[in-house]
Amino acid sequence: MLKLDHMILAVNNLDQAVESYRALGFTVIYGGKHANNATHNALICFRDGSYLELMALTGESVVPDIIDFGHLLMGGEGIVGYALLVDDLSAHAERLRAAGLTIRDHTAGERLRADGQQVAWTLLTTEEYGFAPLLLQDVTPHNLRVPDDRDTTHHDNTAYGLAGVTLISADPEADAARLALILGIEANGDHTFTLADGVLITLKHYPNADAARLESITLRCIDHLLDERTEVHNAVLQPLYPA
């Protein structure tokens, strides 16, 4: 069972990105520094347990032999990856090997929060897909990695979760077949995949794309109507920084 855990957005300057996303009505908190010192992040957490991760280089010396996310930031700003949450990472590793994919990383990840709390997880990437997507399993409780208190998950723009991810592709048919291998589910027939949490992954035809790459994120939002009823709608987030 796969659920969309978070989207990774590369930014050049974390403090500036935090202010920019706050100006869009998001509540943004500092996440912490990753274990090898190369990168740090800020989080936009949602009520459904998912989040947006703003990631930037720290400029500090890198600790060797610990997973390094810095390479995700070498191509400039934009959406650079997404993570799928799983319950049994080892079982998914076996499934991917059986499907003919090459496991590149099956390793521990850590981050030190600003309050001194260490959070830990295990992640898996493949040679074929890298970090789009990566698979992730929590080691420490999920809400230590992704805070779920109301002050953190309330956003003035009414966003409360991730609804979808769109990738552009020169050949959606071929890329859908490849993506089905890592997701372990079949496409819906229109080059879309529905995850266990109802999130939709969409491959959109774009003739000039040299490879399938992330284009946009769809958020679940709430409209408050005059008669006090609540209506849910989706809003597409085109990142402040182009992919």
Protein backbone atom coordinates (compact mmCIF):
# COMPACT_ATOMS: atom_id res chain seq x y z
CA MET A 1 0.00 0.00 0.00
CA LEU A 2 1.52 3.28 -1.14
CA LYS A 3 0.58 6.76 0.09
CA LEU A 4 2.00 10.10 -0.99
CA ASP A 5 4.17 11.24 1.91
CA HIS A 6 5.74 14.44 0.65
CA MET A 7 6.97 16.50 -2.28
CA ILE A 8 10.56 17.79 -2.42
CA LEU A 9 11.05 21.34 -3.68
CA ALA A 10 14.61 22.57 -4.23
CA VAL A 11 15.23 26.18 -3.23
CA ASN A 12 18.39 28.28 -3.30
CA ASN A 13 17.80 30.14 -0.06
CA LEU A 14 15.71 28.49 2.64
CA ASP A 15 14.87 31.65 4.60
CA GLN A 16 13.68 33.46 1.46
CA ALA A 17 11.61 30.46 0.38
CA VAL A 18 9.97 30.25 3.80
CA GLU A 19 8.90 33.89 3.55
CA SER A 20 7.66 33.43 -0.02
CA TYR A 21 5.45 30.46 0.87
CA ARG A 22 4.16 32.18 3.99
CA ALA A 23 3.09 35.02 1.71
CA LEU A 24 1.00 32.45 -0.21
CA GLY A 25 -0.93 31.63 2.96
CA PHE A 26 1.01 28.56 4.11
CA THR A 27 2.20 27.90 7.64
CA VAL A 28 5.89 26.99 7.28
CA ILE A 29 8.09 25.56 10.04
CA TYR A 30 11.82 24.87 10.12
CA GLY A 31 12.37 21.12 9.75
CA GLY A 32 16.04 20.72 10.62
CA LYS A 33 19.36 19.69 9.20
CA HIS A 34 19.98 16.31 7.57
CA ALA A 35 22.53 14.00 9.16
CA ASN A 36 25.37 14.64 6.69
CA ASN A 37 25.11 18.45 7.15
CA ALA A 38 24.77 19.14 3.40
CA THR A 39 21.10 20.12 3.39
CA HIS A 40 18.39 21.50 5.64
CA ASN A 41 14.69 21.94 5.15
CA ALA A 42 11.47 23.68 6.05
CA LEU A 43 8.09 21.94 6.08
CA ILE A 44 4.54 22.79 5.06
CA CYS A 45 2.55 20.13 6.92
CA PHE A 46 -1.04 19.15 6.17
CA ARG A 47 -3.86 17.59 8.19
CA ASP A 48 -3.70 14.37 6.17
CA GLY A 49 -0.09 13.70 7.30
CA SER A 50 1.53 14.74 4.01
CA TYR A 51 3.75 17.77 3.47
CA LEU A 52 5.80 19.93 1.15
CA GLU A 53 9.53 19.91 1.85
CA LEU A 54 11.53 23.02 0.96
CA MET A 55 15.16 21.89 0.77
CA ALA A 56 18.34 23.95 0.43
CA LEU A 57 22.08 23.54 0.82
CA THR A 58 23.57 24.56 4.16
CA GLY A 59 27.02 25.42 2.81
CA GLU A 60 28.58 23.34 5.60
CA SER A 61 31.18 20.60 5.30
CA VAL A 62 29.64 17.27 4.36
CA VAL A 63 29.90 14.31 6.71
CA PRO A 64 31.05 11.33 4.58
CA ASP A 65 29.30 7.95 4.29
CA ILE A 66 25.86 9.35 5.14
CA ILE A 67 23.16 9.72 2.50
CA ASP A 68 23.50 13.07 0.74
CA PHE A 69 20.46 14.88 -0.68
CA GLY A 70 22.59 17.71 -2.08
CA HIS A 71 22.61 16.28 -5.60
CA LEU A 72 18.86 16.97 -5.81
CA LEU A 73 19.63 20.68 -5.72
CA MET A 74 22.23 20.76 -8.49
CA GLY A 75 19.68 21.35 -11.26
CA GLY A 76 18.25 24.55 -9.85
CA GLU A 77 14.99 25.32 -8.10
CA GLY A 78 11.75 23.42 -8.61
CA ILE A 79 10.04 20.13 -7.80
CA VAL A 80 12.82 17.53 -7.70
CA GLY A 81 11.25 14.46 -6.11
CA TYR A 82 8.43 12.87 -4.20
CA ALA A 83 8.24 10.24 -1.48
CA LEU A 84 5.76 7.40 -1.07
CA LEU A 85 5.12 6.10 2.44
CA VAL A 86 5.10 2.31 2.93
CA ASP A 87 4.62 -0.06 5.87
CA ASP A 88 7.18 -2.71 4.87
CA LEU A 89 10.12 -1.34 2.89
CA SER A 90 11.92 -4.69 2.70
CA ALA A 91 8.91 -6.31 1.03
CA HIS A 92 8.79 -3.50 -1.54
CA ALA A 93 12.54 -3.90 -2.17
CA GLU A 94 11.97 -7.58 -2.98
CA ARG A 95 9.05 -6.68 -5.23
CA LEU A 96 11.11 -4.12 -7.15
CA ARG A 97 14.02 -6.50 -7.63
CA ALA A 98 11.57 -9.12 -8.92
CA ALA A 99 10.26 -6.52 -11.38
CA GLY A 100 13.79 -6.05 -12.72
CA LEU A 101 14.54 -2.68 -11.11
CA THR A 102 17.93 -1.92 -9.57
CA ILE A 103 17.95 -0.86 -5.93
CA ARG A 104 20.33 2.09 -5.59
CA ASP A 105 19.85 3.05 -1.94
CA HIS A 106 18.21 1.13 0.89
CA THR A 107 19.51 3.15 3.75
CA ALA A 108 18.77 5.06 6.93
CA GLY A 109 17.98 8.77 6.94
CA GLU A 110 18.07 11.15 9.87
CA ARG A 111 17.29 14.76 10.64
CA LEU A 112 17.87 16.83 13.77
CA ARG A 113 14.95 19.12 14.55
CA ALA A 114 15.47 22.61 15.94
CA ASP A 115 14.19 21.42 19.33
CA GLY A 116 16.88 18.72 19.50
CA GLN A 117 14.55 15.84 18.60
CA GLN A 118 16.18 13.30 16.29
CA VAL A 119 13.87 11.81 13.65
CA ALA A 120 14.71 8.73 11.63
CA TRP A 121 13.42 6.83 8.63
CA THR A 122 14.57 4.31 6.06
CA LEU A 123 14.38 5.07 2.36
CA LEU A 124 14.75 3.22 -0.88
CA THR A 125 15.57 4.57 -4.33
CA THR A 126 16.10 2.82 -7.64
CA GLU A 127 18.64 3.37 -10.38
CA GLU A 128 15.83 3.87 -12.84
CA TYR A 129 13.80 6.50 -10.91
CA GLY A 130 16.10 8.08 -8.34
CA PHE A 131 13.99 10.27 -6.06
CA ALA A 132 10.91 10.45 -8.28
CA PRO A 133 9.63 8.52 -6.54
CA LEU A 134 11.51 7.25 -3.50
CA LEU A 135 9.94 4.86 -0.99
CA LEU A 136 10.07 5.67 2.72
CA GLN A 137 9.27 3.95 6.01
CA ASP A 138 9.30 5.73 9.38
CA VAL A 139 11.58 4.49 12.16
CA THR A 140 10.53 7.11 14.72
CA PRO A 141 6.82 7.99 14.99
CA HIS A 142 5.45 9.74 11.91
CA ASN A 143 4.34 12.83 13.81
CA LEU A 144 7.91 13.46 15.00
CA ARG A 145 8.97 13.78 11.37
CA VAL A 146 5.75 15.47 10.27
CA PRO A 147 4.20 17.52 13.11
CA ASP A 148 0.42 17.19 13.24
CA ASP A 149 -0.63 19.83 15.77
CA ARG A 150 -3.32 22.26 14.65
CA ASP A 151 -1.09 25.34 14.71
CA THR A 152 1.29 23.67 12.25
CA THR A 153 -1.29 22.13 9.92
CA HIS A 154 -3.61 25.16 9.70
CA HIS A 155 -3.06 27.29 6.59
CA ASP A 156 -4.76 30.58 5.88
CA ASN A 157 -5.18 29.53 2.23
CA THR A 158 -7.28 26.51 3.47
CA ALA A 159 -4.93 23.84 2.05
CA TYR A 160 -5.22 20.62 4.04
CA GLY A 161 -3.57 17.89 1.95
CA LEU A 162 -1.95 16.69 -1.24
CA ALA A 163 -4.38 15.62 -3.96
CA GLY A 164 -2.13 14.90 -6.92
CA VAL A 165 1.16 15.08 -8.75
CA THR A 166 1.56 15.83 -12.46
CA LEU A 167 4.55 14.76 -14.55
CA ILE A 168 5.14 15.77 -18.14
CA SER A 169 6.32 13.13 -20.59
CA ALA A 170 7.09 12.86 -24.30
CA ASP A 171 5.74 9.28 -24.21
CA PRO A 172 3.13 8.88 -21.44
CA GLU A 173 2.32 5.32 -22.53
CA ALA A 174 5.90 4.11 -22.06
CA ASP A 175 6.48 6.13 -18.89
CA ALA A 176 3.21 4.85 -17.39
CA ALA A 177 4.36 1.28 -18.00
CA ARG A 178 7.66 2.01 -16.24
CA LEU A 179 6.00 3.82 -13.37
CA ALA A 180 3.63 0.88 -12.86
CA LEU A 181 6.66 -1.26 -11.98
CA ILE A 182 7.70 0.87 -9.02
CA LEU A 183 4.14 1.61 -7.86
CA GLY A 184 3.06 -2.01 -8.13
CA ILE A 185 -0.33 -0.97 -9.51
CA GLU A 186 -1.77 -0.60 -12.99
CA ALA A 187 -2.55 2.71 -14.63
CA ASN A 188 -6.21 3.75 -14.77
CA GLY A 189 -6.16 3.76 -18.57
CA ASP A 190 -5.64 7.49 -19.00
CA HIS A 191 -2.01 7.55 -17.86
CA THR A 192 -3.03 8.18 -14.25
CA PHE A 193 -2.46 6.15 -11.08
CA THR A 194 -4.60 6.26 -7.94
CA LEU A 195 -2.70 5.66 -4.70
CA ALA A 196 -4.20 4.16 -1.54
CA ASP A 197 -4.94 7.61 -0.11
CA GLY A 198 -6.78 8.69 -3.27
CA VAL A 199 -3.91 10.82 -4.54
CA LEU A 200 -3.68 10.90 -8.33
CA ILE A 201 -0.37 10.68 -10.18
CA THR A 202 -0.83 11.97 -13.74
CA LEU A 203 1.44 11.71 -16.76
CA LYS A 204 0.71 14.56 -19.19
CA HIS A 205 1.88 14.55 -22.78
CA TYR A 206 4.51 17.16 -23.54
CA PRO A 207 6.33 16.51 -26.84
CA ASN A 208 9.53 18.38 -25.92
CA ALA A 209 10.17 16.64 -22.61
CA ASP A 210 13.51 14.83 -22.72
CA ALA A 211 12.36 12.58 -19.84
CA ALA A 212 9.37 12.33 -17.53
CA ARG A 213 9.72 15.10 -14.96
CA LEU A 214 7.63 16.72 -12.26
CA GLU A 215 5.56 19.70 -13.31
CA SER A 216 3.00 20.60 -10.63
CA ILE A 217 1.35 19.66 -7.35
CA THR A 218 -2.38 19.64 -6.66
CA LEU A 219 -3.54 20.59 -3.16
CA ARG A 220 -6.78 19.80 -1.35
CA CYS A 221 -8.36 23.04 -0.16
CA ILE A 222 -11.59 24.14 1.50
CA ASP A 223 -14.04 26.84 0.43
CA HIS A 224 -16.10 28.35 3.22
CA LEU A 225 -19.48 29.25 1.74
CA LEU A 226 -21.88 31.91 3.02
CA ASP A 227 -24.43 29.37 4.30
CA GLU A 228 -21.70 27.77 6.45
CA ARG A 229 -21.51 24.63 4.36
CA THR A 230 -18.02 23.44 3.49
CA GLU A 231 -17.01 22.59 -0.05
CA VAL A 232 -13.77 20.89 -0.99
CA HIS A 233 -11.89 21.91 -4.10
CA ASN A 234 -8.46 21.26 -5.60
CA ALA A 235 -5.91 23.97 -6.34
CA VAL A 236 -2.87 23.48 -8.53
CA LEU A 237 0.36 24.76 -7.07
CA GLN A 238 2.78 25.86 -9.75
CA PRO A 239 5.96 26.24 -7.69
CA LEU A 240 7.45 29.66 -7.26
CA TYR A 241 10.54 28.19 -8.82
CA PRO A 242 10.22 26.39 -12.20
CA ALA A 243 11.27 22.75 -12.41
